[in-house]
N, C-alpha and C. Protein backbone atom coordinates (compact mmCIF):
# COMPACT_ATOMS: atom_id res chain seq x y z
N MET A 1 0.81 -1.19 0.00
CA MET A 1 0.00 0.00 0.00
C MET A 1 0.85 1.25 0.00
N LYS A 2 1.97 1.18 -0.63
CA LYS A 2 2.85 2.34 -0.74
C LYS A 2 2.15 3.43 -1.53
N GLY A 3 2.45 4.67 -1.19
CA GLY A 3 1.90 5.80 -1.93
C GLY A 3 0.41 5.98 -1.70
N GLY A 4 -0.12 5.29 -0.73
CA GLY A 4 -1.56 5.39 -0.47
C GLY A 4 -1.90 6.70 0.24
N PHE A 5 -3.16 6.96 0.34
CA PHE A 5 -3.66 8.16 1.00
C PHE A 5 -4.45 7.70 2.21
N GLY A 6 -3.89 7.90 3.39
CA GLY A 6 -4.57 7.47 4.61
C GLY A 6 -4.80 5.96 4.60
N GLY A 7 -3.87 5.21 4.04
CA GLY A 7 -4.03 3.77 3.97
C GLY A 7 -4.74 3.31 2.71
N MET A 8 -5.14 4.24 1.85
CA MET A 8 -5.83 3.87 0.61
C MET A 8 -4.80 3.59 -0.48
N PRO A 9 -5.02 2.57 -1.27
CA PRO A 9 -4.14 2.35 -2.41
C PRO A 9 -4.21 3.53 -3.36
N GLY A 10 -3.21 3.67 -4.24
CA GLY A 10 -3.13 4.79 -5.18
C GLY A 10 -4.38 5.01 -5.99
N GLY A 11 -5.03 3.92 -6.44
CA GLY A 11 -6.25 4.04 -7.23
C GLY A 11 -7.37 4.70 -6.45
N MET A 12 -7.47 4.38 -5.19
CA MET A 12 -8.50 4.97 -4.34
C MET A 12 -8.22 6.47 -4.13
N LYS A 13 -6.94 6.79 -4.02
CA LYS A 13 -6.55 8.19 -3.86
C LYS A 13 -6.99 8.99 -5.08
N ASP A 14 -6.77 8.45 -6.26
CA ASP A 14 -7.18 9.12 -7.49
C ASP A 14 -8.70 9.26 -7.56
N LEU A 15 -9.40 8.22 -7.16
CA LEU A 15 -10.86 8.25 -7.17
C LEU A 15 -11.36 9.33 -6.19
N PHE A 16 -10.73 9.42 -5.05
CA PHE A 16 -11.10 10.42 -4.05
C PHE A 16 -10.89 11.83 -4.61
N LYS A 17 -9.79 12.05 -5.30
CA LYS A 17 -9.51 13.35 -5.90
C LYS A 17 -10.55 13.69 -6.97
N GLN A 18 -10.91 12.69 -7.77
CA GLN A 18 -11.91 12.90 -8.81
C GLN A 18 -13.26 13.26 -8.20
N MET A 19 -13.61 12.61 -7.12
CA MET A 19 -14.88 12.90 -6.44
C MET A 19 -14.87 14.32 -5.88
N GLN A 20 -13.73 14.75 -5.33
CA GLN A 20 -13.64 16.11 -4.82
C GLN A 20 -13.80 17.13 -5.94
N LYS A 21 -13.16 16.87 -7.09
CA LYS A 21 -13.29 17.77 -8.23
C LYS A 21 -14.73 17.84 -8.72
N MET A 22 -15.40 16.69 -8.78
CA MET A 22 -16.79 16.66 -9.22
C MET A 22 -17.66 17.44 -8.24
N GLN A 23 -17.39 17.30 -6.96
CA GLN A 23 -18.16 18.02 -5.94
C GLN A 23 -17.97 19.53 -6.12
N GLU A 24 -16.76 19.96 -6.41
CA GLU A 24 -16.49 21.39 -6.64
C GLU A 24 -17.23 21.87 -7.89
N LYS A 25 -17.22 21.08 -8.93
CA LYS A 25 -17.91 21.45 -10.17
C LYS A 25 -19.43 21.50 -9.95
N LEU A 26 -19.95 20.58 -9.16
CA LEU A 26 -21.38 20.59 -8.87
C LEU A 26 -21.77 21.83 -8.06
N ALA A 27 -20.92 22.22 -7.12
CA ALA A 27 -21.18 23.42 -6.34
C ALA A 27 -21.20 24.64 -7.25
N LYS A 28 -20.29 24.68 -8.21
CA LYS A 28 -20.26 25.79 -9.17
C LYS A 28 -21.52 25.78 -10.04
N ALA A 29 -21.94 24.60 -10.47
CA ALA A 29 -23.16 24.48 -11.28
C ALA A 29 -24.38 24.94 -10.49
N GLN A 30 -24.42 24.64 -9.20
CA GLN A 30 -25.53 25.08 -8.36
C GLN A 30 -25.57 26.61 -8.26
N GLU A 31 -24.40 27.23 -8.16
CA GLU A 31 -24.35 28.69 -8.12
C GLU A 31 -24.81 29.27 -9.46
N GLU A 32 -24.36 28.65 -10.56
CA GLU A 32 -24.77 29.11 -11.89
C GLU A 32 -26.28 28.95 -12.08
N ALA A 33 -26.85 27.92 -11.46
CA ALA A 33 -28.28 27.66 -11.59
C ALA A 33 -29.11 28.82 -11.05
N LYS A 34 -28.58 29.48 -10.04
CA LYS A 34 -29.30 30.61 -9.47
C LYS A 34 -29.44 31.75 -10.47
N GLN A 35 -28.55 31.79 -11.45
CA GLN A 35 -28.56 32.87 -12.44
C GLN A 35 -29.42 32.55 -13.66
N VAL A 36 -29.84 31.30 -13.80
CA VAL A 36 -30.65 30.88 -14.95
C VAL A 36 -32.02 31.53 -14.88
N LEU A 37 -32.43 32.15 -15.97
CA LEU A 37 -33.78 32.70 -16.09
C LEU A 37 -34.38 32.19 -17.39
N GLU A 38 -35.52 31.55 -17.30
CA GLU A 38 -36.20 31.03 -18.48
C GLU A 38 -37.63 31.56 -18.51
N GLU A 39 -38.08 31.88 -19.71
CA GLU A 39 -39.40 32.46 -19.89
C GLU A 39 -40.37 31.46 -20.50
N GLY A 40 -41.58 31.50 -20.01
CA GLY A 40 -42.66 30.71 -20.59
C GLY A 40 -43.82 31.65 -20.87
N SER A 41 -44.56 31.37 -21.94
CA SER A 41 -45.69 32.23 -22.25
C SER A 41 -46.84 31.39 -22.78
N SER A 42 -48.02 32.00 -22.76
CA SER A 42 -49.20 31.33 -23.29
C SER A 42 -50.14 32.40 -23.83
N GLY A 43 -51.13 31.94 -24.57
CA GLY A 43 -52.09 32.87 -25.13
C GLY A 43 -51.46 33.83 -26.12
N GLY A 44 -50.49 33.34 -26.88
CA GLY A 44 -49.83 34.21 -27.85
C GLY A 44 -49.06 35.35 -27.20
N GLY A 45 -48.52 35.10 -26.01
CA GLY A 45 -47.74 36.11 -25.31
C GLY A 45 -48.57 36.98 -24.38
N MET A 46 -49.83 36.65 -24.23
CA MET A 46 -50.69 37.45 -23.34
C MET A 46 -50.32 37.24 -21.87
N VAL A 47 -49.79 36.08 -21.55
CA VAL A 47 -49.29 35.79 -20.20
C VAL A 47 -47.85 35.33 -20.34
N THR A 48 -46.95 35.99 -19.62
CA THR A 48 -45.53 35.65 -19.66
C THR A 48 -45.01 35.48 -18.24
N VAL A 49 -44.27 34.40 -18.05
CA VAL A 49 -43.74 34.07 -16.73
C VAL A 49 -42.25 33.81 -16.86
N VAL A 50 -41.48 34.24 -15.87
CA VAL A 50 -40.04 33.96 -15.82
C VAL A 50 -39.76 33.16 -14.56
N ALA A 51 -38.98 32.07 -14.74
CA ALA A 51 -38.58 31.22 -13.61
C ALA A 51 -37.06 31.14 -13.57
N ASN A 52 -36.51 31.00 -12.37
CA ASN A 52 -35.07 30.85 -12.25
C ASN A 52 -34.69 29.39 -12.09
N GLY A 53 -33.42 29.13 -11.98
CA GLY A 53 -32.92 27.77 -11.88
C GLY A 53 -33.20 27.09 -10.56
N GLU A 54 -33.77 27.81 -9.64
CA GLU A 54 -34.15 27.22 -8.36
C GLU A 54 -35.65 26.94 -8.33
N SER A 55 -36.26 26.89 -9.51
CA SER A 55 -37.69 26.62 -9.66
C SER A 55 -38.56 27.62 -8.92
N GLN A 56 -38.13 28.87 -8.95
CA GLN A 56 -38.92 29.95 -8.36
C GLN A 56 -39.35 30.89 -9.47
N LEU A 57 -40.59 31.33 -9.41
CA LEU A 57 -41.07 32.30 -10.39
C LEU A 57 -40.52 33.67 -9.99
N THR A 58 -39.97 34.39 -10.96
CA THR A 58 -39.41 35.70 -10.66
C THR A 58 -40.27 36.83 -11.19
N SER A 59 -41.11 36.53 -12.17
CA SER A 59 -42.04 37.56 -12.64
C SER A 59 -43.20 36.94 -13.41
N ILE A 60 -44.31 37.63 -13.37
CA ILE A 60 -45.51 37.25 -14.12
C ILE A 60 -46.04 38.52 -14.77
N LYS A 61 -46.27 38.47 -16.06
CA LYS A 61 -46.83 39.61 -16.78
C LYS A 61 -48.12 39.14 -17.46
N ILE A 62 -49.21 39.87 -17.20
CA ILE A 62 -50.51 39.55 -17.79
C ILE A 62 -51.01 40.78 -18.53
N GLU A 63 -51.26 40.64 -19.81
CA GLU A 63 -51.79 41.75 -20.60
C GLU A 63 -53.25 42.02 -20.21
N LYS A 64 -53.61 43.28 -20.21
CA LYS A 64 -54.96 43.69 -19.80
C LYS A 64 -56.04 43.00 -20.62
N GLU A 65 -55.77 42.81 -21.90
CA GLU A 65 -56.78 42.26 -22.80
C GLU A 65 -57.24 40.86 -22.42
N VAL A 66 -56.41 40.12 -21.69
CA VAL A 66 -56.75 38.75 -21.35
C VAL A 66 -57.53 38.65 -20.02
N VAL A 67 -57.62 39.77 -19.31
CA VAL A 67 -58.34 39.78 -18.04
C VAL A 67 -59.82 40.00 -18.32
N ASP A 68 -60.60 38.95 -18.12
CA ASP A 68 -62.05 38.99 -18.33
C ASP A 68 -62.72 38.43 -17.09
N PRO A 69 -63.39 39.29 -16.31
CA PRO A 69 -64.02 38.81 -15.08
C PRO A 69 -65.05 37.70 -15.32
N ASN A 70 -65.55 37.60 -16.54
CA ASN A 70 -66.52 36.56 -16.86
C ASN A 70 -65.87 35.25 -17.29
N ASP A 71 -64.54 35.25 -17.42
CA ASP A 71 -63.84 34.03 -17.83
C ASP A 71 -62.52 33.88 -17.06
N VAL A 72 -62.64 33.81 -15.76
CA VAL A 72 -61.47 33.68 -14.89
C VAL A 72 -60.74 32.36 -15.15
N GLU A 73 -61.48 31.32 -15.48
CA GLU A 73 -60.87 30.01 -15.73
C GLU A 73 -59.87 30.07 -16.87
N MET A 74 -60.17 30.84 -17.93
CA MET A 74 -59.24 30.96 -19.05
C MET A 74 -57.94 31.60 -18.58
N LEU A 75 -58.02 32.65 -17.79
CA LEU A 75 -56.83 33.32 -17.29
C LEU A 75 -56.02 32.38 -16.39
N GLN A 76 -56.71 31.62 -15.56
CA GLN A 76 -56.02 30.66 -14.70
C GLN A 76 -55.27 29.63 -15.55
N ASP A 77 -55.91 29.14 -16.60
CA ASP A 77 -55.27 28.17 -17.49
C ASP A 77 -54.05 28.76 -18.18
N LEU A 78 -54.16 30.01 -18.63
CA LEU A 78 -53.04 30.67 -19.30
C LEU A 78 -51.87 30.86 -18.34
N VAL A 79 -52.15 31.28 -17.11
CA VAL A 79 -51.08 31.47 -16.12
C VAL A 79 -50.41 30.14 -15.80
N MET A 80 -51.21 29.11 -15.61
CA MET A 80 -50.65 27.79 -15.30
C MET A 80 -49.79 27.27 -16.45
N ALA A 81 -50.26 27.43 -17.67
CA ALA A 81 -49.50 26.95 -18.84
C ALA A 81 -48.17 27.70 -18.95
N ALA A 82 -48.19 29.01 -18.76
CA ALA A 82 -46.96 29.80 -18.85
C ALA A 82 -45.99 29.41 -17.74
N CYS A 83 -46.50 29.21 -16.53
CA CYS A 83 -45.65 28.80 -15.40
C CYS A 83 -45.00 27.45 -15.67
N ASN A 84 -45.80 26.50 -16.12
CA ASN A 84 -45.26 25.16 -16.39
C ASN A 84 -44.20 25.20 -17.48
N GLU A 85 -44.41 26.01 -18.50
CA GLU A 85 -43.42 26.12 -19.58
C GLU A 85 -42.10 26.71 -19.06
N ALA A 86 -42.19 27.79 -18.29
CA ALA A 86 -40.98 28.42 -17.75
C ALA A 86 -40.23 27.47 -16.83
N LEU A 87 -40.95 26.77 -15.96
CA LEU A 87 -40.31 25.83 -15.04
C LEU A 87 -39.68 24.66 -15.78
N LYS A 88 -40.36 24.18 -16.81
CA LYS A 88 -39.83 23.07 -17.62
C LYS A 88 -38.53 23.49 -18.31
N LYS A 89 -38.51 24.70 -18.86
CA LYS A 89 -37.31 25.19 -19.54
C LYS A 89 -36.16 25.35 -18.56
N SER A 90 -36.42 25.93 -17.39
CA SER A 90 -35.34 26.13 -16.43
C SER A 90 -34.80 24.79 -15.93
N LYS A 91 -35.69 23.83 -15.74
CA LYS A 91 -35.25 22.50 -15.29
C LYS A 91 -34.36 21.85 -16.35
N ALA A 92 -34.71 22.02 -17.62
CA ALA A 92 -33.91 21.44 -18.70
C ALA A 92 -32.51 22.04 -18.74
N VAL A 93 -32.41 23.35 -18.52
CA VAL A 93 -31.10 24.00 -18.50
C VAL A 93 -30.26 23.47 -17.34
N ILE A 94 -30.88 23.32 -16.19
CA ILE A 94 -30.16 22.82 -15.01
C ILE A 94 -29.71 21.37 -15.25
N GLN A 95 -30.59 20.56 -15.80
CA GLN A 95 -30.23 19.17 -16.08
C GLN A 95 -29.05 19.09 -17.04
N GLU A 96 -29.01 19.99 -18.01
CA GLU A 96 -27.89 20.02 -18.95
C GLU A 96 -26.60 20.38 -18.23
N LYS A 97 -26.65 21.35 -17.32
CA LYS A 97 -25.47 21.73 -16.55
C LYS A 97 -24.98 20.55 -15.70
N ILE A 98 -25.91 19.87 -15.07
CA ILE A 98 -25.55 18.71 -14.25
C ILE A 98 -24.93 17.62 -15.11
N SER A 99 -25.53 17.38 -16.25
CA SER A 99 -25.04 16.34 -17.15
C SER A 99 -23.61 16.62 -17.61
N GLN A 100 -23.30 17.90 -17.82
CA GLN A 100 -21.95 18.26 -18.22
C GLN A 100 -20.94 17.94 -17.12
N VAL A 101 -21.36 18.10 -15.87
CA VAL A 101 -20.47 17.84 -14.74
C VAL A 101 -20.34 16.35 -14.47
N THR A 102 -21.46 15.63 -14.55
CA THR A 102 -21.45 14.22 -14.16
C THR A 102 -21.21 13.28 -15.34
N GLY A 103 -21.08 13.82 -16.52
CA GLY A 103 -20.88 12.97 -17.68
C GLY A 103 -22.13 12.18 -18.04
N GLY A 104 -23.30 12.72 -17.68
CA GLY A 104 -24.56 12.07 -18.02
C GLY A 104 -25.08 11.13 -16.96
N VAL A 105 -24.31 10.92 -15.89
CA VAL A 105 -24.75 10.03 -14.82
C VAL A 105 -25.75 10.79 -13.95
N ASN A 106 -26.92 10.21 -13.73
CA ASN A 106 -27.95 10.86 -12.92
C ASN A 106 -27.68 10.59 -11.45
N ILE A 107 -27.45 11.67 -10.69
CA ILE A 107 -27.21 11.55 -9.27
C ILE A 107 -28.40 12.17 -8.54
N PRO A 108 -29.24 11.35 -7.93
CA PRO A 108 -30.45 11.85 -7.26
C PRO A 108 -30.15 12.90 -6.19
N GLY A 109 -31.01 13.90 -6.10
CA GLY A 109 -30.93 14.87 -5.03
C GLY A 109 -29.95 16.00 -5.25
N ILE A 110 -29.37 16.12 -6.44
CA ILE A 110 -28.41 17.20 -6.66
C ILE A 110 -29.13 18.54 -6.78
N PHE A 111 -30.17 18.58 -7.60
CA PHE A 111 -30.96 19.81 -7.77
C PHE A 111 -32.40 19.47 -7.57
């Protein structure tokens, strides 16, 4: 066990270093995720929503023309569709960042 790290053979030492590097890269990806902003819209742009990489909505814009007190359900559907689109897009960007760090290996609980 010459050249080992804390009693670890050389191969284990290399694996440990690789894991530390991956952990550092994942931490950087998590910080970058906070900066991701993705937009979703519905109703031909009548409702626009922006979500960040932490799956939080950062803004909602609703055009006056789509607000009809007699058809609240339509507005609710438009808001929900725009929110889902924005969140789906931001999640895809984050998954791509994770994939770049992990080489495509899915590690549960990272984001």
